[in-house]
Amino acid sequence: QALAAEVGAGLALPEAAAGAADLIILALPWDVAEAAVKGLG
């Protein structure tokens, strides 16, 4: 919440954030990447 306020960004669960975006940046640890990326829909 503090980061979002600092940079003036919105907050959402990953799938919702990706679904509403034109461009998605994946900034995840590699060991969790596959499950997290596949979970974006």
PDB file of all heavy atoms in Angstrom:
ATOM      1  N   GLN A   1       0.828  -1.207   0.000  1.00  0.00           N
ATOM      2  CA  GLN A   1       0.000   0.000   0.000  1.00  0.00           C
ATOM      3  C   GLN A   1       0.865   1.259   0.000  1.00  0.00           C
ATOM      4  O   GLN A   1       0.568   2.230  -0.702  1.00  0.00           O
ATOM      5  CB  GLN A   1      -0.905  -0.012   1.240  1.00  0.00           C
ATOM      6  CG  GLN A   1      -1.864  -1.181   1.293  1.00  0.00           C
ATOM      7  CD  GLN A   1      -3.295  -0.784   0.972  1.00  0.00           C
ATOM      8  OE1 GLN A   1      -3.663   0.376   1.028  1.00  0.00           O
ATOM      9  NE2 GLN A   1      -4.105  -1.762   0.626  1.00  0.00           N
ATOM     10  N   ALA A   2       1.950   1.231   0.765  1.00  0.00           N
ATOM     11  CA  ALA A   2       2.841   2.388   0.828  1.00  0.00           C
ATOM     12  C   ALA A   2       3.512   2.629  -0.522  1.00  0.00           C
ATOM     13  O   ALA A   2       3.659   3.783  -0.961  1.00  0.00           O
ATOM     14  CB  ALA A   2       3.891   2.189   1.914  1.00  0.00           C
ATOM     15  N   LEU A   3       3.933   1.565  -1.200  1.00  0.00           N
ATOM     16  CA  LEU A   3       4.555   1.710  -2.516  1.00  0.00           C
ATOM     17  C   LEU A   3       3.565   2.307  -3.506  1.00  0.00           C
ATOM     18  O   LEU A   3       3.912   3.223  -4.266  1.00  0.00           O
ATOM     19  CB  LEU A   3       5.051   0.351  -3.013  1.00  0.00           C
ATOM     20  CG  LEU A   3       5.608   0.325  -4.439  1.00  0.00           C
ATOM     21  CD1 LEU A   3       6.855   1.183  -4.553  1.00  0.00           C
ATOM     22  CD2 LEU A   3       5.889  -1.114  -4.874  1.00  0.00           C
ATOM     23  N   ALA A   4       2.346   1.804  -3.524  1.00  0.00           N
ATOM     24  CA  ALA A   4       1.337   2.325  -4.440  1.00  0.00           C
ATOM     25  C   ALA A   4       1.095   3.802  -4.199  1.00  0.00           C
ATOM     26  O   ALA A   4       0.988   4.597  -5.155  1.00  0.00           O
ATOM     27  CB  ALA A   4       0.037   1.533  -4.301  1.00  0.00           C
ATOM     28  N   ALA A   5       1.020   4.201  -2.934  1.00  0.00           N
ATOM     29  CA  ALA A   5       0.819   5.611  -2.617  1.00  0.00           C
ATOM     30  C   ALA A   5       2.016   6.454  -3.043  1.00  0.00           C
ATOM     31  O   ALA A   5       1.863   7.565  -3.569  1.00  0.00           O
ATOM     32  CB  ALA A   5       0.553   5.769  -1.119  1.00  0.00           C
ATOM     33  N   GLU A   6       3.209   5.916  -2.838  1.00  0.00           N
ATOM     34  CA  GLU A   6       4.431   6.650  -3.188  1.00  0.00           C
ATOM     35  C   GLU A   6       4.512   6.943  -4.674  1.00  0.00           C
ATOM     36  O   GLU A   6       4.896   8.055  -5.082  1.00  0.00           O
ATOM     37  CB  GLU A   6       5.653   5.835  -2.763  1.00  0.00           C
ATOM     38  CG  GLU A   6       6.987   6.447  -3.174  1.00  0.00           C
ATOM     39  CD  GLU A   6       8.156   5.502  -2.974  1.00  0.00           C
ATOM     40  OE1 GLU A   6       7.985   4.478  -2.268  1.00  0.00           O
ATOM     41  OE2 GLU A   6       9.229   5.773  -3.532  1.00  0.00           O
ATOM     42  N   VAL A   7       4.168   5.962  -5.512  1.00  0.00           N
ATOM     43  CA  VAL A   7       4.349   6.116  -6.962  1.00  0.00           C
ATOM     44  C   VAL A   7       3.061   6.500  -7.680  1.00  0.00           C
ATOM     45  O   VAL A   7       3.061   6.670  -8.902  1.00  0.00           O
ATOM     46  CB  VAL A   7       4.931   4.828  -7.581  1.00  0.00           C
ATOM     47  CG1 VAL A   7       6.265   4.500  -6.945  1.00  0.00           C
ATOM     48  CG2 VAL A   7       3.965   3.656  -7.459  1.00  0.00           C
ATOM     49  N   GLY A   8       1.958   6.623  -6.940  1.00  0.00           N
ATOM     50  CA  GLY A   8       0.694   6.993  -7.565  1.00  0.00           C
ATOM     51  C   GLY A   8       0.107   5.897  -8.433  1.00  0.00           C
ATOM     52  O   GLY A   8      -0.480   6.179  -9.487  1.00  0.00           O
ATOM     53  N   ALA A   9       0.267   4.648  -8.011  1.00  0.00           N
ATOM     54  CA  ALA A   9      -0.202   3.505  -8.793  1.00  0.00           C
ATOM     55  C   ALA A   9      -1.452   2.910  -8.178  1.00  0.00           C
ATOM     56  O   ALA A   9      -1.731   3.073  -6.989  1.00  0.00           O
ATOM     57  CB  ALA A   9       0.888   2.432  -8.869  1.00  0.00           C
ATOM     58  N   GLY A  10      -2.203   2.190  -9.005  1.00  0.00           N
ATOM     59  CA  GLY A  10      -3.316   1.416  -8.516  1.00  0.00           C
ATOM     60  C   GLY A  10      -2.841   0.088  -7.966  1.00  0.00           C
ATOM     61  O   GLY A  10      -1.690  -0.307  -8.145  1.00  0.00           O
ATOM     62  N   LEU A  11      -3.739  -0.619  -7.314  1.00  0.00           N
ATOM     63  CA  LEU A  11      -3.437  -1.924  -6.730  1.00  0.00           C
ATOM     64  C   LEU A  11      -4.518  -2.911  -7.121  1.00  0.00           C
ATOM     65  O   LEU A  11      -5.710  -2.584  -7.116  1.00  0.00           O
ATOM     66  CB  LEU A  11      -3.372  -1.831  -5.204  1.00  0.00           C
ATOM     67  CG  LEU A  11      -2.020  -1.583  -4.550  1.00  0.00           C
ATOM     68  CD1 LEU A  11      -2.197  -1.396  -3.053  1.00  0.00           C
ATOM     69  CD2 LEU A  11      -1.057  -2.725  -4.832  1.00  0.00           C
ATOM     70  N   ALA A  12      -4.095  -4.132  -7.466  1.00  0.00           N
ATOM     71  CA  ALA A  12      -5.057  -5.172  -7.799  1.00  0.00           C
ATOM     72  C   ALA A  12      -4.382  -6.520  -7.648  1.00  0.00           C
ATOM     73  O   ALA A  12      -3.146  -6.612  -7.577  1.00  0.00           O
ATOM     74  CB  ALA A  12      -5.580  -4.998  -9.229  1.00  0.00           C
ATOM     75  N   LEU A  13      -5.175  -7.568  -7.613  1.00  0.00           N
ATOM     76  CA  LEU A  13      -4.616  -8.899  -7.680  1.00  0.00           C
ATOM     77  C   LEU A  13      -3.973  -9.090  -9.062  1.00  0.00           C
ATOM     78  O   LEU A  13      -4.375  -8.445 -10.036  1.00  0.00           O
ATOM     79  CB  LEU A  13      -5.694  -9.942  -7.446  1.00  0.00           C
ATOM     80  CG  LEU A  13      -6.278  -9.979  -6.019  1.00  0.00           C
ATOM     81  CD1 LEU A  13      -7.496 -10.895  -5.975  1.00  0.00           C
ATOM     82  CD2 LEU A  13      -5.221 -10.442  -5.022  1.00  0.00           C
ATOM     83  N   PRO A  14      -2.956  -9.942  -9.164  1.00  0.00           N
ATOM     84  CA  PRO A  14      -2.196 -10.035 -10.424  1.00  0.00           C
ATOM     85  C   PRO A  14      -3.055 -10.276 -11.664  1.00  0.00           C
ATOM     86  O   PRO A  14      -2.859  -9.616 -12.697  1.00  0.00           O
ATOM     87  CB  PRO A  14      -1.239 -11.197 -10.156  1.00  0.00           C
ATOM     88  CG  PRO A  14      -1.004 -11.137  -8.682  1.00  0.00           C
ATOM     89  CD  PRO A  14      -2.329 -10.750  -8.108  1.00  0.00           C
ATOM     90  N   GLU A  15      -4.002 -11.205 -11.620  1.00  0.00           N
ATOM     91  CA  GLU A  15      -4.798 -11.502 -12.813  1.00  0.00           C
ATOM     92  C   GLU A  15      -5.624 -10.295 -13.239  1.00  0.00           C
ATOM     93  O   GLU A  15      -5.724  -9.978 -14.437  1.00  0.00           O
ATOM     94  CB  GLU A  15      -5.708 -12.706 -12.564  1.00  0.00           C
ATOM     95  CG  GLU A  15      -6.487 -13.131 -13.798  1.00  0.00           C
ATOM     96  CD  GLU A  15      -7.311 -14.386 -13.577  1.00  0.00           C
ATOM     97  OE1 GLU A  15      -7.353 -14.893 -12.442  1.00  0.00           O
ATOM     98  OE2 GLU A  15      -7.916 -14.870 -14.566  1.00  0.00           O
ATOM     99  N   ALA A  16      -6.211  -9.586 -12.274  1.00  0.00           N
ATOM    100  CA  ALA A  16      -7.008  -8.411 -12.606  1.00  0.00           C
ATOM    101  C   ALA A  16      -6.136  -7.289 -13.165  1.00  0.00           C
ATOM    102  O   ALA A  16      -6.516  -6.606 -14.122  1.00  0.00           O
ATOM    103  CB  ALA A  16      -7.764  -7.928 -11.366  1.00  0.00           C
ATOM    104  N   ALA A  17      -4.950  -7.092 -12.561  1.00  0.00           N
ATOM    105  CA  ALA A  17      -4.041  -6.051 -13.043  1.00  0.00           C
ATOM    106  C   ALA A  17      -3.616  -6.321 -14.476  1.00  0.00           C
ATOM    107  O   ALA A  17      -3.628  -5.432 -15.336  1.00  0.00           O
ATOM    108  CB  ALA A  17      -2.820  -5.962 -12.131  1.00  0.00           C
ATOM    109  N   ALA A  18      -3.238  -7.574 -14.760  1.00  0.00           N
ATOM    110  CA  ALA A  18      -2.791  -7.927 -16.108  1.00  0.00           C
ATOM    111  C   ALA A  18      -3.929  -7.829 -17.111  1.00  0.00           C
ATOM    112  O   ALA A  18      -3.734  -7.351 -18.238  1.00  0.00           O
ATOM    113  CB  ALA A  18      -2.207  -9.342 -16.100  1.00  0.00           C
ATOM    114  N   GLY A  19      -5.120  -8.254 -16.722  1.00  0.00           N
ATOM    115  CA  GLY A  19      -6.251  -8.238 -17.632  1.00  0.00           C
ATOM    116  C   GLY A  19      -6.651  -6.853 -18.077  1.00  0.00           C
ATOM    117  O   GLY A  19      -7.150  -6.668 -19.193  1.00  0.00           O
ATOM    118  N   ALA A  20      -6.433  -5.848 -17.237  1.00  0.00           N
ATOM    119  CA  ALA A  20      -6.836  -4.476 -17.557  1.00  0.00           C
ATOM    120  C   ALA A  20      -5.739  -3.669 -18.236  1.00  0.00           C
ATOM    121  O   ALA A  20      -5.975  -2.525 -18.625  1.00  0.00           O
ATOM    122  CB  ALA A  20      -7.281  -3.775 -16.274  1.00  0.00           C
ATOM    123  N   ALA A  21      -4.549  -4.245 -18.390  1.00  0.00           N
ATOM    124  CA  ALA A  21      -3.393  -3.485 -18.879  1.00  0.00           C
ATOM    125  C   ALA A  21      -3.176  -3.684 -20.374  1.00  0.00           C
ATOM    126  O   ALA A  21      -3.606  -4.682 -20.971  1.00  0.00           O
ATOM    127  CB  ALA A  21      -2.145  -3.908 -18.120  1.00  0.00           C
ATOM    128  N   ASP A  22      -2.477  -2.716 -20.980  1.00  0.00           N
ATOM    129  CA  ASP A  22      -2.019  -2.846 -22.363  1.00  0.00           C
ATOM    130  C   ASP A  22      -0.666  -3.547 -22.414  1.00  0.00           C
ATOM    131  O   ASP A  22      -0.359  -4.249 -23.375  1.00  0.00           O
ATOM    132  CB  ASP A  22      -1.875  -1.460 -23.004  1.00  0.00           C
ATOM    133  CG  ASP A  22      -3.154  -0.656 -22.932  1.00  0.00           C
ATOM    134  OD1 ASP A  22      -4.204  -1.195 -23.331  1.00  0.00           O
ATOM    135  OD2 ASP A  22      -3.113   0.504 -22.475  1.00  0.00           O
ATOM    136  N   LEU A  23       0.141  -3.310 -21.403  1.00  0.00           N
ATOM    137  CA  LEU A  23       1.498  -3.858 -21.329  1.00  0.00           C
ATOM    138  C   LEU A  23       1.714  -4.400 -19.928  1.00  0.00           C
ATOM    139  O   LEU A  23       1.381  -3.731 -18.943  1.00  0.00           O
ATOM    140  CB  LEU A  23       2.522  -2.783 -21.681  1.00  0.00           C
ATOM    141  CG  LEU A  23       3.998  -3.169 -21.687  1.00  0.00           C
ATOM    142  CD1 LEU A  23       4.766  -2.351 -22.741  1.00  0.00           C
ATOM    143  CD2 LEU A  23       4.638  -2.947 -20.318  1.00  0.00           C
ATOM    144  N   ILE A  24       2.254  -5.603 -19.835  1.00  0.00           N
ATOM    145  CA  ILE A  24       2.474  -6.265 -18.551  1.00  0.00           C
ATOM    146  C   ILE A  24       3.957  -6.492 -18.356  1.00  0.00           C
ATOM    147  O   ILE A  24       4.641  -6.984 -19.260  1.00  0.00           O
ATOM    148  CB  ILE A  24       1.721  -7.615 -18.498  1.00  0.00           C
ATOM    149  CG1 ILE A  24       0.204  -7.395 -18.634  1.00  0.00           C
ATOM    150  CG2 ILE A  24       2.026  -8.367 -17.213  1.00  0.00           C
ATOM    151  CD1 ILE A  24      -0.330  -7.588 -20.019  1.00  0.00           C
ATOM    152  N   ILE A  25       4.464  -6.134 -17.188  1.00  0.00           N
ATOM    153  CA  ILE A  25       5.860  -6.361 -16.820  1.00  0.00           C
ATOM    154  C   ILE A  25       5.917  -7.455 -15.773  1.00  0.00           C
ATOM    155  O   ILE A  25       5.298  -7.342 -14.710  1.00  0.00           O
ATOM    156  CB  ILE A  25       6.500  -5.070 -16.272  1.00  0.00           C
ATOM    157  CG1 ILE A  25       6.452  -3.952 -17.318  1.00  0.00           C
ATOM    158  CG2 ILE A  25       7.948  -5.330 -15.835  1.00  0.00           C
ATOM    159  CD1 ILE A  25       6.889  -2.591 -16.788  1.00  0.00           C
ATOM    160  N   LEU A  26       6.646  -8.518 -16.078  1.00  0.00           N
ATOM    161  CA  LEU A  26       6.801  -9.634 -15.139  1.00  0.00           C
ATOM    162  C   LEU A  26       8.063  -9.406 -14.316  1.00  0.00           C
ATOM    163  O   LEU A  26       9.173  -9.460 -14.841  1.00  0.00           O
ATOM    164  CB  LEU A  26       6.894 -10.953 -15.900  1.00  0.00           C
ATOM    165  CG  LEU A  26       5.715 -11.292 -16.816  1.00  0.00           C
ATOM    166  CD1 LEU A  26       5.976 -12.603 -17.553  1.00  0.00           C
ATOM    167  CD2 LEU A  26       4.407 -11.364 -16.032  1.00  0.00           C
ATOM    168  N   ALA A  27       7.891  -9.154 -13.034  1.00  0.00           N
ATOM    169  CA  ALA A  27       9.010  -8.891 -12.131  1.00  0.00           C
ATOM    170  C   ALA A  27       8.894  -9.830 -10.937  1.00  0.00           C
ATOM    171  O   ALA A  27       8.665  -9.405  -9.803  1.00  0.00           O
ATOM    172  CB  ALA A  27       9.001  -7.427 -11.680  1.00  0.00           C
ATOM    173  N   LEU A  28       9.071 -11.119 -11.210  1.00  0.00           N
ATOM    174  CA  LEU A  28       8.848 -12.163 -10.219  1.00  0.00           C
ATOM    175  C   LEU A  28      10.115 -12.966  -9.991  1.00  0.00           C
ATOM    176  O   LEU A  28      10.944 -13.092 -10.891  1.00  0.00           O
ATOM    177  CB  LEU A  28       7.750 -13.118 -10.717  1.00  0.00           C
ATOM    178  CG  LEU A  28       6.371 -12.511 -10.945  1.00  0.00           C
ATOM    179  CD1 LEU A  28       5.564 -13.378 -11.906  1.00  0.00           C
ATOM    180  CD2 LEU A  28       5.644 -12.361  -9.617  1.00  0.00           C
ATOM    181  N   PRO A  29      10.283 -13.557  -8.813  1.00  0.00           N
ATOM    182  CA  PRO A  29      11.382 -14.511  -8.624  1.00  0.00           C
ATOM    183  C   PRO A  29      11.184 -15.698  -9.553  1.00  0.00           C
ATOM    184  O   PRO A  29      10.055 -16.177  -9.733  1.00  0.00           O
ATOM    185  CB  PRO A  29      11.252 -14.926  -7.152  1.00  0.00           C
ATOM    186  CG  PRO A  29      10.397 -13.871  -6.512  1.00  0.00           C
ATOM    187  CD  PRO A  29       9.488 -13.371  -7.591  1.00  0.00           C
ATOM    188  N   TRP A  30      12.269 -16.190 -10.132  1.00  0.00           N
ATOM    189  CA  TRP A  30      12.142 -17.247 -11.132  1.00  0.00           C
ATOM    190  C   TRP A  30      11.523 -18.521 -10.555  1.00  0.00           C
ATOM    191  O   TRP A  30      10.791 -19.235 -11.241  1.00  0.00           O
ATOM    192  CB  TRP A  30      13.505 -17.552 -11.745  1.00  0.00           C
ATOM    193  CG  TRP A  30      13.428 -18.574 -12.839  1.00  0.00           C
ATOM    194  CD1 TRP A  30      13.887 -19.856 -12.815  1.00  0.00           C
ATOM    195  CD2 TRP A  30      12.813 -18.399 -14.121  1.00  0.00           C
ATOM    196  NE1 TRP A  30      13.595 -20.492 -14.004  1.00  0.00           N
ATOM    197  CE2 TRP A  30      12.936 -19.617 -14.822  1.00  0.00           C
ATOM    198  CE3 TRP A  30      12.172 -17.321 -14.748  1.00  0.00           C
ATOM    199  CZ2 TRP A  30      12.457 -19.794 -16.118  1.00  0.00           C
ATOM    200  CZ3 TRP A  30      11.678 -17.500 -16.033  1.00  0.00           C
ATOM    201  CH2 TRP A  30      11.825 -18.721 -16.701  1.00  0.00           C
ATOM    202  N   ASP A  31      11.771 -18.800  -9.291  1.00  0.00           N
ATOM    203  CA  ASP A  31      11.281 -20.069  -8.738  1.00  0.00           C
ATOM    204  C   ASP A  31       9.767 -20.101  -8.557  1.00  0.00           C
ATOM    205  O   ASP A  31       9.197 -21.173  -8.322  1.00  0.00           O
ATOM    206  CB  ASP A  31      12.000 -20.412  -7.428  1.00  0.00           C
ATOM    207  CG  ASP A  31      11.824 -19.356  -6.356  1.00  0.00           C
ATOM    208  OD1 ASP A  31      11.280 -18.271  -6.647  1.00  0.00           O
ATOM    209  OD2 ASP A  31      12.245 -19.600  -5.208  1.00  0.00           O
ATOM    210  N   VAL A  32       9.104 -18.966  -8.646  1.00  0.00           N
ATOM    211  CA  VAL A  32       7.638 -18.953  -8.562  1.00  0.00           C
ATOM    212  C   VAL A  32       7.006 -18.495  -9.870  1.00  0.00           C
ATOM    213  O   VAL A  32       5.781 -18.374  -9.964  1.00  0.00           O
ATOM    214  CB  VAL A  32       7.145 -18.041  -7.410  1.00  0.00           C
ATOM    215  CG1 VAL A  32       7.756 -18.481  -6.089  1.00  0.00           C
ATOM    216  CG2 VAL A  32       7.449 -16.574  -7.682  1.00  0.00           C
ATOM    217  N   ALA A  33       7.827 -18.259 -10.876  1.00  0.00           N
ATOM    218  CA  ALA A  33       7.348 -17.599 -12.094  1.00  0.00           C
ATOM    219  C   ALA A  33       6.308 -18.423 -12.848  1.00  0.00           C
ATOM    220  O   ALA A  33       5.277 -17.881 -13.265  1.00  0.00           O
ATOM    221  CB  ALA A  33       8.521 -17.270 -13.009  1.00  0.00           C
ATOM    222  N   GLU A  34       6.567 -19.701 -13.036  1.00  0.00           N
ATOM    223  CA  GLU A  34       5.665 -20.481 -13.893  1.00  0.00           C
ATOM    224  C   GLU A  34       4.237 -20.460 -13.371  1.00  0.00           C
ATOM    225  O   GLU A  34       3.291 -20.155 -14.113  1.00  0.00           O
ATOM    226  CB  GLU A  34       6.159 -21.914 -14.039  1.00  0.00           C
ATOM    227  CG  GLU A  34       5.271 -22.745 -14.948  1.00  0.00           C
ATOM    228  CD  GLU A  34       5.817 -24.137 -15.225  1.00  0.00           C
ATOM    229  OE1 GLU A  34       6.857 -24.499 -14.636  1.00  0.00           O
ATOM    230  OE2 GLU A  34       5.200 -24.859 -16.034  1.00  0.00           O
ATOM    231  N   ALA A  35       4.058 -20.787 -12.108  1.00  0.00           N
ATOM    232  CA  ALA A  35       2.705 -20.819 -11.551  1.00  0.00           C
ATOM    233  C   ALA A  35       2.072 -19.435 -11.572  1.00  0.00           C
ATOM    234  O   ALA A  35       0.888 -19.277 -11.906  1.00  0.00           O
ATOM    235  CB  ALA A  35       2.737 -21.361 -10.126  1.00  0.00           C
ATOM    236  N   ALA A  36       2.871 -18.413 -11.235  1.00  0.00           N
ATOM    237  CA  ALA A  36       2.328 -17.054 -11.188  1.00  0.00           C
ATOM    238  C   ALA A  36       1.933 -16.567 -12.576  1.00  0.00           C
ATOM    239  O   ALA A  36       0.873 -15.949 -12.757  1.00  0.00           O
ATOM    240  CB  ALA A  36       3.355 -16.110 -10.564  1.00  0.00           C
ATOM    241  N   VAL A  37       2.768 -16.840 -13.585  1.00  0.00           N
ATOM    242  CA  VAL A  37       2.476 -16.381 -14.944  1.00  0.00           C
ATOM    243  C   VAL A  37       1.265 -17.110 -15.509  1.00  0.00           C
ATOM    244  O   VAL A  37       0.373 -16.499 -16.113  1.00  0.00           O
ATOM    245  CB  VAL A  37       3.716 -16.564 -15.844  1.00  0.00           C
ATOM    246  CG1 VAL A  37       3.363 -16.326 -17.309  1.00  0.00           C
ATOM    247  CG2 VAL A  37       4.818 -15.606 -15.415  1.00  0.00           C
ATOM    248  N   LYS A  38       1.211 -18.417 -15.314  1.00  0.00           N
ATOM    249  CA  LYS A  38       0.059 -19.173 -15.801  1.00  0.00           C
ATOM    250  C   LYS A  38      -1.228 -18.742 -15.099  1.00  0.00           C
ATOM    251  O   LYS A  38      -2.317 -18.864 -15.660  1.00  0.00           O
ATOM    252  CB  LYS A  38       0.295 -20.665 -15.614  1.00  0.00           C
ATOM    253  CG  LYS A  38       1.329 -21.237 -16.566  1.00  0.00           C
ATOM    254  CD  LYS A  38       1.542 -22.735 -16.344  1.00  0.00           C
ATOM    255  CE  LYS A  38       2.498 -23.328 -17.361  1.00  0.00           C
ATOM    256  NZ  LYS A  38       2.736 -24.782 -17.130  1.00  0.00           N
ATOM    257  N   GLY A  39      -1.106 -18.208 -13.896  1.00  0.00           N
ATOM    258  CA  GLY A  39      -2.271 -17.743 -13.157  1.00  0.00           C
ATOM    259  C   GLY A  39      -2.809 -16.407 -13.625  1.00  0.00           C
ATOM    260  O   GLY A  39      -3.857 -15.960 -13.142  1.00  0.00           O
ATOM    261  N   LEU A  40      -2.127 -15.763 -14.569  1.00  0.00           N
ATOM    262  CA  LEU A  40      -2.587 -14.454 -15.060  1.00  0.00           C
ATOM    263  C   LEU A  40      -3.716 -14.571 -16.066  1.00  0.00           C
ATOM    264  O   LEU A  40      -4.319 -13.572 -16.440  1.00  0.00           O
ATOM    265  CB  LEU A  40      -1.416 -13.695 -15.697  1.00  0.00           C
ATOM    266  CG  LEU A  40      -0.271 -13.326 -14.767  1.00  0.00           C
ATOM    267  CD1 LEU A  40       0.849 -12.643 -15.542  1.00  0.00           C
ATOM    268  CD2 LEU A  40      -0.752 -12.430 -13.622  1.00  0.00           C
ATOM    269  N   GLY A  41      -3.999 -15.779 -16.542  1.00  0.00           N
ATOM    270  CA  GLY A  41      -5.050 -15.956 -17.526  1.00  0.00           C
ATOM    271  C   GLY A  41      -4.564 -15.633 -18.929  1.00  0.00           C
ATOM    272  O   GLY A  41      -3.364 -15.477 -19.175  1.00  0.00           O
TER     273      GLY A  41
END
